[in-house]
Amino acid sequence: QVQLIESGGGLVQPGGSLRLSCTASVSLFSFNA
């Protein structure tokens, strides 16, 4: 089974930036989208 681990969330002020990351347990080429 594929595992997806997300990170990068949090509290930010309006106008700010965040970067979320999703790490897959298998190659991204395994996915159609």
Full PDB file with SEQRES, HELIX, SHEET, SSBOND, CRYST1, ORIGX, SCALE, CONECT and MASTER records, all heavy atoms in Angstrom:
SEQRES   1 A   33  GLN VAL GLN LEU ILE GLU SER GLY GLY GLY LEU VAL GLN          
SEQRES   2 A   33  PRO GLY GLY SER LEU ARG LEU SER CYS THR ALA SER VAL          
SEQRES   3 A   33  SER LEU PHE SER PHE ASN ALA                                  
HELIX    1 AA1 LEU A   28  SER A   30  5                                   3    
SHEET    1 AA1 2 LEU A   4  SER A   7  0                                        
SHEET    2 AA1 2 SER A  21  ALA A  24 -1                                        
CRYST1    1.000    1.000    1.000  90.00  90.00  90.00 P 1           1          
ORIGX1      1.000000  0.000000  0.000000        0.00000                         
ORIGX2      0.000000  1.000000  0.000000        0.00000                         
ORIGX3      0.000000  0.000000  1.000000        0.00000                         
SCALE1      1.000000  0.000000  0.000000        0.00000                         
SCALE2      0.000000  1.000000  0.000000        0.00000                         
SCALE3      0.000000  0.000000  1.000000        0.00000                         
ATOM      1  N   GLN A   1       0.843  -1.182   0.000  1.00  0.00           N  
ATOM      2  CA  GLN A   1       0.000   0.000   0.000  1.00  0.00           C  
ATOM      3  C   GLN A   1       0.884   1.240   0.000  1.00  0.00           C  
ATOM      4  O   GLN A   1       1.888   1.294   0.693  1.00  0.00           O  
ATOM      5  CB  GLN A   1      -0.902   0.018   1.225  1.00  0.00           C  
ATOM      6  CG  GLN A   1      -1.886   1.165   1.249  1.00  0.00           C  
ATOM      7  CD  GLN A   1      -2.842   1.089   2.416  1.00  0.00           C  
ATOM      8  OE1 GLN A   1      -2.839   0.110   3.138  1.00  0.00           O  
ATOM      9  NE2 GLN A   1      -3.647   2.101   2.585  1.00  0.00           N  
ATOM     10  N   VAL A   2       0.465   2.220  -0.776  1.00  0.00           N  
ATOM     11  CA  VAL A   2       1.229   3.457  -0.875  1.00  0.00           C  
ATOM     12  C   VAL A   2       1.043   4.274   0.392  1.00  0.00           C  
ATOM     13  O   VAL A   2      -0.072   4.408   0.896  1.00  0.00           O  
ATOM     14  CB  VAL A   2       0.762   4.277  -2.087  1.00  0.00           C  
ATOM     15  CG1 VAL A   2       1.458   5.632  -2.117  1.00  0.00           C  
ATOM     16  CG2 VAL A   2       1.010   3.510  -3.378  1.00  0.00           C  
ATOM     17  N   GLN A   3       2.121   4.821   0.903  1.00  0.00           N  
ATOM     18  CA  GLN A   3       2.048   5.732   2.047  1.00  0.00           C  
ATOM     19  C   GLN A   3       2.420   7.135   1.595  1.00  0.00           C  
ATOM     20  O   GLN A   3       3.395   7.311   0.846  1.00  0.00           O  
ATOM     21  CB  GLN A   3       2.982   5.269   3.156  1.00  0.00           C  
ATOM     22  CG  GLN A   3       2.544   3.976   3.824  1.00  0.00           C  
ATOM     23  CD  GLN A   3       3.381   3.647   5.033  1.00  0.00           C  
ATOM     24  OE1 GLN A   3       4.524   4.058   5.139  1.00  0.00           O  
ATOM     25  NE2 GLN A   3       2.802   2.904   5.964  1.00  0.00           N  
ATOM     26  N   LEU A   4       1.642   8.096   2.062  1.00  0.00           N  
ATOM     27  CA  LEU A   4       1.880   9.497   1.751  1.00  0.00           C  
ATOM     28  C   LEU A   4       2.034  10.247   3.066  1.00  0.00           C  
ATOM     29  O   LEU A   4       1.144  10.187   3.917  1.00  0.00           O  
ATOM     30  CB  LEU A   4       0.708  10.080   0.955  1.00  0.00           C  
ATOM     31  CG  LEU A   4       0.360   9.386  -0.359  1.00  0.00           C  
ATOM     32  CD1 LEU A   4      -0.927   9.972  -0.935  1.00  0.00           C  
ATOM     33  CD2 LEU A   4       1.494   9.509  -1.357  1.00  0.00           C  
ATOM     34  N   ILE A   5       3.137  10.931   3.228  1.00  0.00           N  
ATOM     35  CA  ILE A   5       3.417  11.685   4.445  1.00  0.00           C  
ATOM     36  C   ILE A   5       3.446  13.165   4.095  1.00  0.00           C  
ATOM     37  O   ILE A   5       4.264  13.590   3.269  1.00  0.00           O  
ATOM     38  CB  ILE A   5       4.737  11.276   5.084  1.00  0.00           C  
ATOM     39  CG1 ILE A   5       4.760   9.766   5.338  1.00  0.00           C  
ATOM     40  CG2 ILE A   5       4.952  12.049   6.389  1.00  0.00           C  
ATOM     41  CD1 ILE A   5       3.698   9.275   6.293  1.00  0.00           C  
ATOM     42  N   GLU A   6       2.546  13.920   4.716  1.00  0.00           N  
ATOM     43  CA  GLU A   6       2.485  15.356   4.473  1.00  0.00           C  
ATOM     44  C   GLU A   6       3.171  16.114   5.605  1.00  0.00           C  
ATOM     45  O   GLU A   6       3.173  15.670   6.758  1.00  0.00           O  
ATOM     46  CB  GLU A   6       1.035  15.821   4.367  1.00  0.00           C  
ATOM     47  CG  GLU A   6       0.290  15.217   3.193  1.00  0.00           C  
ATOM     48  CD  GLU A   6      -1.119  14.844   3.553  1.00  0.00           C  
ATOM     49  OE1 GLU A   6      -1.411  14.718   4.750  1.00  0.00           O  
ATOM     50  OE2 GLU A   6      -1.932  14.651   2.640  1.00  0.00           O  
ATOM     51  N   SER A   7       3.699  17.265   5.261  1.00  0.00           N  
ATOM     52  CA  SER A   7       4.321  18.133   6.261  1.00  0.00           C  
ATOM     53  C   SER A   7       4.265  19.563   5.768  1.00  0.00           C  
ATOM     54  O   SER A   7       3.966  19.820   4.593  1.00  0.00           O  
ATOM     55  CB  SER A   7       5.774  17.713   6.514  1.00  0.00           C  
ATOM     56  OG  SER A   7       6.530  17.819   5.321  1.00  0.00           O  
ATOM     57  N   GLY A   8       4.565  20.499   6.677  1.00  0.00           N  
ATOM     58  CA  GLY A   8       4.686  21.901   6.281  1.00  0.00           C  
ATOM     59  C   GLY A   8       3.538  22.796   6.663  1.00  0.00           C  
ATOM     60  O   GLY A   8       3.600  24.004   6.435  1.00  0.00           O  
ATOM     61  N   GLY A   9       2.491  22.249   7.246  1.00  0.00           N  
ATOM     62  CA  GLY A   9       1.381  23.094   7.651  1.00  0.00           C  
ATOM     63  C   GLY A   9       1.733  23.948   8.864  1.00  0.00           C  
ATOM     64  O   GLY A   9       2.791  23.786   9.463  1.00  0.00           O  
ATOM     65  N   GLY A  10       0.822  24.867   9.184  1.00  0.00           N  
ATOM     66  CA  GLY A  10       1.057  25.703  10.354  1.00  0.00           C  
ATOM     67  C   GLY A  10       0.198  26.944  10.323  1.00  0.00           C  
ATOM     68  O   GLY A  10      -0.747  27.049   9.552  1.00  0.00           O  
ATOM     69  N   LEU A  11       0.575  27.884  11.189  1.00  0.00           N  
ATOM     70  CA  LEU A  11      -0.129  29.151  11.307  1.00  0.00           C  
ATOM     71  C   LEU A  11       0.677  30.229  10.585  1.00  0.00           C  
ATOM     72  O   LEU A  11       1.886  30.348  10.802  1.00  0.00           O  
ATOM     73  CB  LEU A  11      -0.298  29.519  12.783  1.00  0.00           C  
ATOM     74  CG  LEU A  11      -0.859  30.902  13.100  1.00  0.00           C  
ATOM     75  CD1 LEU A  11      -2.297  31.022  12.602  1.00  0.00           C  
ATOM     76  CD2 LEU A  11      -0.782  31.163  14.605  1.00  0.00           C  
ATOM     77  N   VAL A  12       0.011  31.006   9.761  1.00  0.00           N  
ATOM     78  CA  VAL A  12       0.673  32.063   9.015  1.00  0.00           C  
ATOM     79  C   VAL A  12      -0.252  33.264   8.929  1.00  0.00           C  
ATOM     80  O   VAL A  12      -1.486  33.112   8.935  1.00  0.00           O  
ATOM     81  CB  VAL A  12       1.068  31.566   7.604  1.00  0.00           C  
ATOM     82  CG1 VAL A  12      -0.147  31.218   6.780  1.00  0.00           C  
ATOM     83  CG2 VAL A  12       1.957  32.571   6.882  1.00  0.00           C  
ATOM     84  N   GLN A  13       0.324  34.448   8.857  1.00  0.00           N  
ATOM     85  CA  GLN A  13      -0.474  35.662   8.741  1.00  0.00           C  
ATOM     86  C   GLN A  13      -0.957  35.855   7.302  1.00  0.00           C  
ATOM     87  O   GLN A  13      -0.317  35.372   6.362  1.00  0.00           O  
ATOM     88  CB  GLN A  13       0.344  36.872   9.179  1.00  0.00           C  
ATOM     89  CG  GLN A  13       0.677  36.883  10.655  1.00  0.00           C  
ATOM     90  CD  GLN A  13       1.359  38.175  11.077  1.00  0.00           C  
ATOM     91  OE1 GLN A  13       1.874  38.925  10.254  1.00  0.00           O  
ATOM     92  NE2 GLN A  13       1.364  38.441  12.378  1.00  0.00           N  
ATOM     93  N   PRO A  14      -2.052  36.559   7.125  1.00  0.00           N  
ATOM     94  CA  PRO A  14      -2.508  36.864   5.762  1.00  0.00           C  
ATOM     95  C   PRO A  14      -1.392  37.534   4.960  1.00  0.00           C  
ATOM     96  O   PRO A  14      -0.670  38.395   5.479  1.00  0.00           O  
ATOM     97  CB  PRO A  14      -3.678  37.814   5.991  1.00  0.00           C  
ATOM     98  CG  PRO A  14      -4.200  37.425   7.338  1.00  0.00           C  
ATOM     99  CD  PRO A  14      -2.987  37.057   8.141  1.00  0.00           C  
ATOM    100  N   GLY A  15      -1.259  37.099   3.712  1.00  0.00           N  
ATOM    101  CA  GLY A  15      -0.196  37.601   2.852  1.00  0.00           C  
ATOM    102  C   GLY A  15       1.082  36.796   2.931  1.00  0.00           C  
ATOM    103  O   GLY A  15       1.998  36.988   2.117  1.00  0.00           O  
ATOM    104  N   GLY A  16       1.156  35.884   3.874  1.00  0.00           N  
ATOM    105  CA  GLY A  16       2.357  35.072   4.049  1.00  0.00           C  
ATOM    106  C   GLY A  16       2.390  33.868   3.123  1.00  0.00           C  
ATOM    107  O   GLY A  16       1.518  33.690   2.269  1.00  0.00           O  
ATOM    108  N   SER A  17       3.427  33.061   3.318  1.00  0.00           N  
ATOM    109  CA  SER A  17       3.646  31.885   2.460  1.00  0.00           C  
ATOM    110  C   SER A  17       3.882  30.639   3.308  1.00  0.00           C  
ATOM    111  O   SER A  17       4.393  30.723   4.429  1.00  0.00           O  
ATOM    112  CB  SER A  17       4.867  32.105   1.559  1.00  0.00           C  
ATOM    113  OG  SER A  17       4.676  33.192   0.690  1.00  0.00           O  
ATOM    114  N   LEU A  18       3.530  29.514   2.738  1.00  0.00           N  
ATOM    115  CA  LEU A  18       3.825  28.201   3.312  1.00  0.00           C  
ATOM    116  C   LEU A  18       4.107  27.246   2.168  1.00  0.00           C  
ATOM    117  O   LEU A  18       3.592  27.424   1.067  1.00  0.00           O  
ATOM    118  CB  LEU A  18       2.647  27.655   4.123  1.00  0.00           C  
ATOM    119  CG  LEU A  18       2.437  28.121   5.562  1.00  0.00           C  
ATOM    120  CD1 LEU A  18       1.176  27.493   6.128  1.00  0.00           C  
ATOM    121  CD2 LEU A  18       3.649  27.784   6.433  1.00  0.00           C  
ATOM    122  N   ARG A  19       4.900  26.241   2.468  1.00  0.00           N  
ATOM    123  CA  ARG A  19       5.157  25.189   1.481  1.00  0.00           C  
ATOM    124  C   ARG A  19       4.808  23.855   2.110  1.00  0.00           C  
ATOM    125  O   ARG A  19       5.415  23.454   3.117  1.00  0.00           O  
ATOM    126  CB  ARG A  19       6.612  25.204   1.036  1.00  0.00           C  
ATOM    127  CG  ARG A  19       6.928  24.226  -0.098  1.00  0.00           C  
ATOM    128  CD  ARG A  19       8.351  24.379  -0.536  1.00  0.00           C  
ATOM    129  NE  ARG A  19       8.760  23.469  -1.582  1.00  0.00           N  
ATOM    130  CZ  ARG A  19       9.181  23.883  -2.787  1.00  0.00           C  
ATOM    131  NH1 ARG A  19       9.238  25.176  -3.058  1.00  0.00           N  
ATOM    132  NH2 ARG A  19       9.539  23.001  -3.708  1.00  0.00           N  
ATOM    133  N   LEU A  20       3.844  23.182   1.525  1.00  0.00           N  
ATOM    134  CA  LEU A  20       3.469  21.849   1.968  1.00  0.00           C  
ATOM    135  C   LEU A  20       4.236  20.818   1.151  1.00  0.00           C  
ATOM    136  O   LEU A  20       4.488  21.028  -0.031  1.00  0.00           O  
ATOM    137  CB  LEU A  20       1.972  21.623   1.790  1.00  0.00           C  
ATOM    138  CG  LEU A  20       1.034  22.654   2.423  1.00  0.00           C  
ATOM    139  CD1 LEU A  20      -0.409  22.251   2.191  1.00  0.00           C  
ATOM    140  CD2 LEU A  20       1.332  22.833   3.887  1.00  0.00           C  
ATOM    141  N   SER A  21       4.563  19.716   1.808  1.00  0.00           N  
ATOM    142  CA  SER A  21       5.283  18.661   1.116  1.00  0.00           C  
ATOM    143  C   SER A  21       4.564  17.326   1.316  1.00  0.00           C  
ATOM    144  O   SER A  21       4.083  17.041   2.408  1.00  0.00           O  
ATOM    145  CB  SER A  21       6.715  18.566   1.638  1.00  0.00           C  
ATOM    146  OG  SER A  21       7.461  17.623   0.881  1.00  0.00           O  
ATOM    147  N   CYS A  22       4.512  16.549   0.259  1.00  0.00           N  
ATOM    148  CA  CYS A  22       3.932  15.207   0.299  1.00  0.00           C  
ATOM    149  C   CYS A  22       5.000  14.241  -0.197  1.00  0.00           C  
ATOM    150  O   CYS A  22       5.428  14.322  -1.350  1.00  0.00           O  
ATOM    151  CB  CYS A  22       2.701  15.139  -0.599  1.00  0.00           C  
ATOM    152  SG  CYS A  22       1.974  13.500  -0.751  1.00  0.00           S  
ATOM    153  N   THR A  23       5.423  13.348   0.697  1.00  0.00           N  
ATOM    154  CA  THR A  23       6.446  12.364   0.345  1.00  0.00           C  
ATOM    155  C   THR A  23       5.809  11.005   0.181  1.00  0.00           C  
ATOM    156  O   THR A  23       5.118  10.521   1.091  1.00  0.00           O  
ATOM    157  CB  THR A  23       7.536  12.305   1.430  1.00  0.00           C  
ATOM    158  OG1 THR A  23       8.105  13.611   1.590  1.00  0.00           O  
ATOM    159  CG2 THR A  23       8.635  11.336   1.024  1.00  0.00           C  
ATOM    160  N   ALA A  24       6.032  10.405  -0.983  1.00  0.00           N  
ATOM    161  CA  ALA A  24       5.455   9.086  -1.282  1.00  0.00           C  
ATOM    162  C   ALA A  24       6.450   7.977  -0.975  1.00  0.00           C  
ATOM    163  O   ALA A  24       7.665   8.170  -1.075  1.00  0.00           O  
ATOM    164  CB  ALA A  24       5.046   9.032  -2.743  1.00  0.00           C  
ATOM    165  N   SER A  25       5.917   6.812  -0.616  1.00  0.00           N  
ATOM    166  CA  SER A  25       6.773   5.672  -0.267  1.00  0.00           C  
ATOM    167  C   SER A  25       7.272   4.924  -1.508  1.00  0.00           C  
ATOM    168  O   SER A  25       8.093   4.024  -1.385  1.00  0.00           O  
ATOM    169  CB  SER A  25       6.016   4.711   0.647  1.00  0.00           C  
ATOM    170  OG  SER A  25       4.833   4.246   0.008  1.00  0.00           O  
ATOM    171  N   VAL A  26       6.742   5.311  -2.691  1.00  0.00           N  
ATOM    172  CA  VAL A  26       7.163   4.682  -3.933  1.00  0.00           C  
ATOM    173  C   VAL A  26       7.446   5.765  -4.963  1.00  0.00           C  
ATOM    174  O   VAL A  26       7.149   6.945  -4.737  1.00  0.00           O  
ATOM    175  CB  VAL A  26       6.088   3.711  -4.466  1.00  0.00           C  
ATOM    176  CG1 VAL A  26       5.853   2.583  -3.476  1.00  0.00           C  
ATOM    177  CG2 VAL A  26       4.797   4.445  -4.773  1.00  0.00           C  
ATOM    178  N   SER A  27       7.987   5.353  -6.082  1.00  0.00           N  
ATOM    179  CA  SER A  27       8.299   6.300  -7.140  1.00  0.00           C  
ATOM    180  C   SER A  27       7.050   7.029  -7.627  1.00  0.00           C  
ATOM    181  O   SER A  27       5.971   6.435  -7.756  1.00  0.00           O  
ATOM    182  CB  SER A  27       8.936   5.563  -8.320  1.00  0.00           C  
ATOM    183  OG  SER A  27       9.017   6.402  -9.453  1.00  0.00           O  
ATOM    184  N   LEU A  28       7.209   8.325  -7.908  1.00  0.00           N  
ATOM    185  CA  LEU A  28       6.091   9.108  -8.415  1.00  0.00           C  
ATOM    186  C   LEU A  28       5.614   8.604  -9.772  1.00  0.00           C  
ATOM    187  O   LEU A  28       4.474   8.848 -10.169  1.00  0.00           O  
ATOM    188  CB  LEU A  28       6.472  10.586  -8.530  1.00  0.00           C  
ATOM    189  CG  LEU A  28       6.894  11.280  -7.232  1.00  0.00           C  
ATOM    190  CD1 LEU A  28       7.067  12.777  -7.481  1.00  0.00           C  
ATOM    191  CD2 LEU A  28       5.934  11.017  -6.105  1.00  0.00           C  
ATOM    192  N   PHE A  29       6.472   7.886 -10.477  1.00  0.00           N  
ATOM    193  CA  PHE A  29       6.087   7.357 -11.776  1.00  0.00           C  
ATOM    194  C   PHE A  29       5.066   6.224 -11.656  1.00  0.00           C  
ATOM    195  O   PHE A  29       4.526   5.767 -12.659  1.00  0.00           O  
ATOM    196  CB  PHE A  29       7.328   6.883 -12.543  1.00  0.00           C  
ATOM    197  CG  PHE A  29       8.231   8.003 -12.941  1.00  0.00           C  
ATOM    198  CD1 PHE A  29       9.449   8.192 -12.311  1.00  0.00           C  
ATOM    199  CD2 PHE A  29       7.867   8.898 -13.939  1.00  0.00           C  
ATOM    200  CE1 PHE A  29      10.293   9.234 -12.674  1.00  0.00           C  
ATOM    201  CE2 PHE A  29       8.695   9.942 -14.315  1.00  0.00           C  
ATOM    202  CZ  PHE A  29       9.911  10.105 -13.670  1.00  0.00           C  
ATOM    203  N   SER A  30       4.789   5.806 -10.416  1.00  0.00           N  
ATOM    204  CA  SER A  30       3.769   4.782 -10.173  1.00  0.00           C  
ATOM    205  C   SER A  30       2.357   5.341 -10.312  1.00  0.00           C  
ATOM    206  O   SER A  30       1.399   4.571 -10.386  1.00  0.00           O  
ATOM    207  CB  SER A  30       3.938   4.208  -8.762  1.00  0.00           C  
ATOM    208  OG  SER A  30       5.224   3.673  -8.574  1.00  0.00           O  
ATOM    209  N   PHE A  31       2.245   6.670 -10.332  1.00  0.00           N  
ATOM    210  CA  PHE A  31       0.934   7.299 -10.247  1.00  0.00           C  
ATOM    211  C   PHE A  31       0.516   7.913 -11.574  1.00  0.00           C  
ATOM    212  O   PHE A  31       1.328   8.444 -12.312  1.00  0.00           O  
ATOM    213  CB  PHE A  31       0.952   8.390  -9.183  1.00  0.00           C  
ATOM    214  CG  PHE A  31       1.524   7.948  -7.869  1.00  0.00           C  
ATOM    215  CD1 PHE A  31       2.492   8.706  -7.240  1.00  0.00           C  
ATOM    216  CD2 PHE A  31       1.107   6.773  -7.263  1.00  0.00           C  
ATOM    217  CE1 PHE A  31       3.039   8.313  -6.032  1.00  0.00           C  
ATOM    218  CE2 PHE A  31       1.645   6.362  -6.059  1.00  0.00           C  
ATOM    219  CZ  PHE A  31       2.618   7.128  -5.453  1.00  0.00           C  
ATOM    220  N   ASN A  32      -0.780   7.849 -11.832  1.00  0.00           N  
ATOM    221  CA  ASN A  32      -1.327   8.509 -13.016  1.00  0.00           C  
ATOM    222  C   ASN A  32      -1.449  10.012 -12.805  1.00  0.00           C  
ATOM    223  O   ASN A  32      -1.402  10.782 -13.762  1.00  0.00           O  
ATOM    224  CB  ASN A  32      -2.698   7.937 -13.366  1.00  0.00           C  
ATOM    225  CG  ASN A  32      -2.616   6.485 -13.774  1.00  0.00           C  
ATOM    226  OD1 ASN A  32      -1.603   6.030 -14.297  1.00  0.00           O  
ATOM    227  ND2 ASN A  32      -3.678   5.729 -13.536  1.00  0.00           N  
ATOM    228  N   ALA A  33      -1.630  10.391 -11.562  1.00  0.00           N  
ATOM    229  CA  ALA A  33      -1.749  11.811 -11.236  1.00  0.00           C  
ATOM    230  C   ALA A  33      -1.513  12.000  -9.744  1.00  0.00           C  
ATOM    231  O   ALA A  33      -1.670  11.065  -8.955  1.00  0.00           O  
ATOM    232  CB  ALA A  33      -3.133  12.353 -11.600  1.00  0.00           C  
TER     233      ALA A  33                                                      
MASTER        0    0    0    1    2    0    0    6  232    1    0    3          
END                                                                             
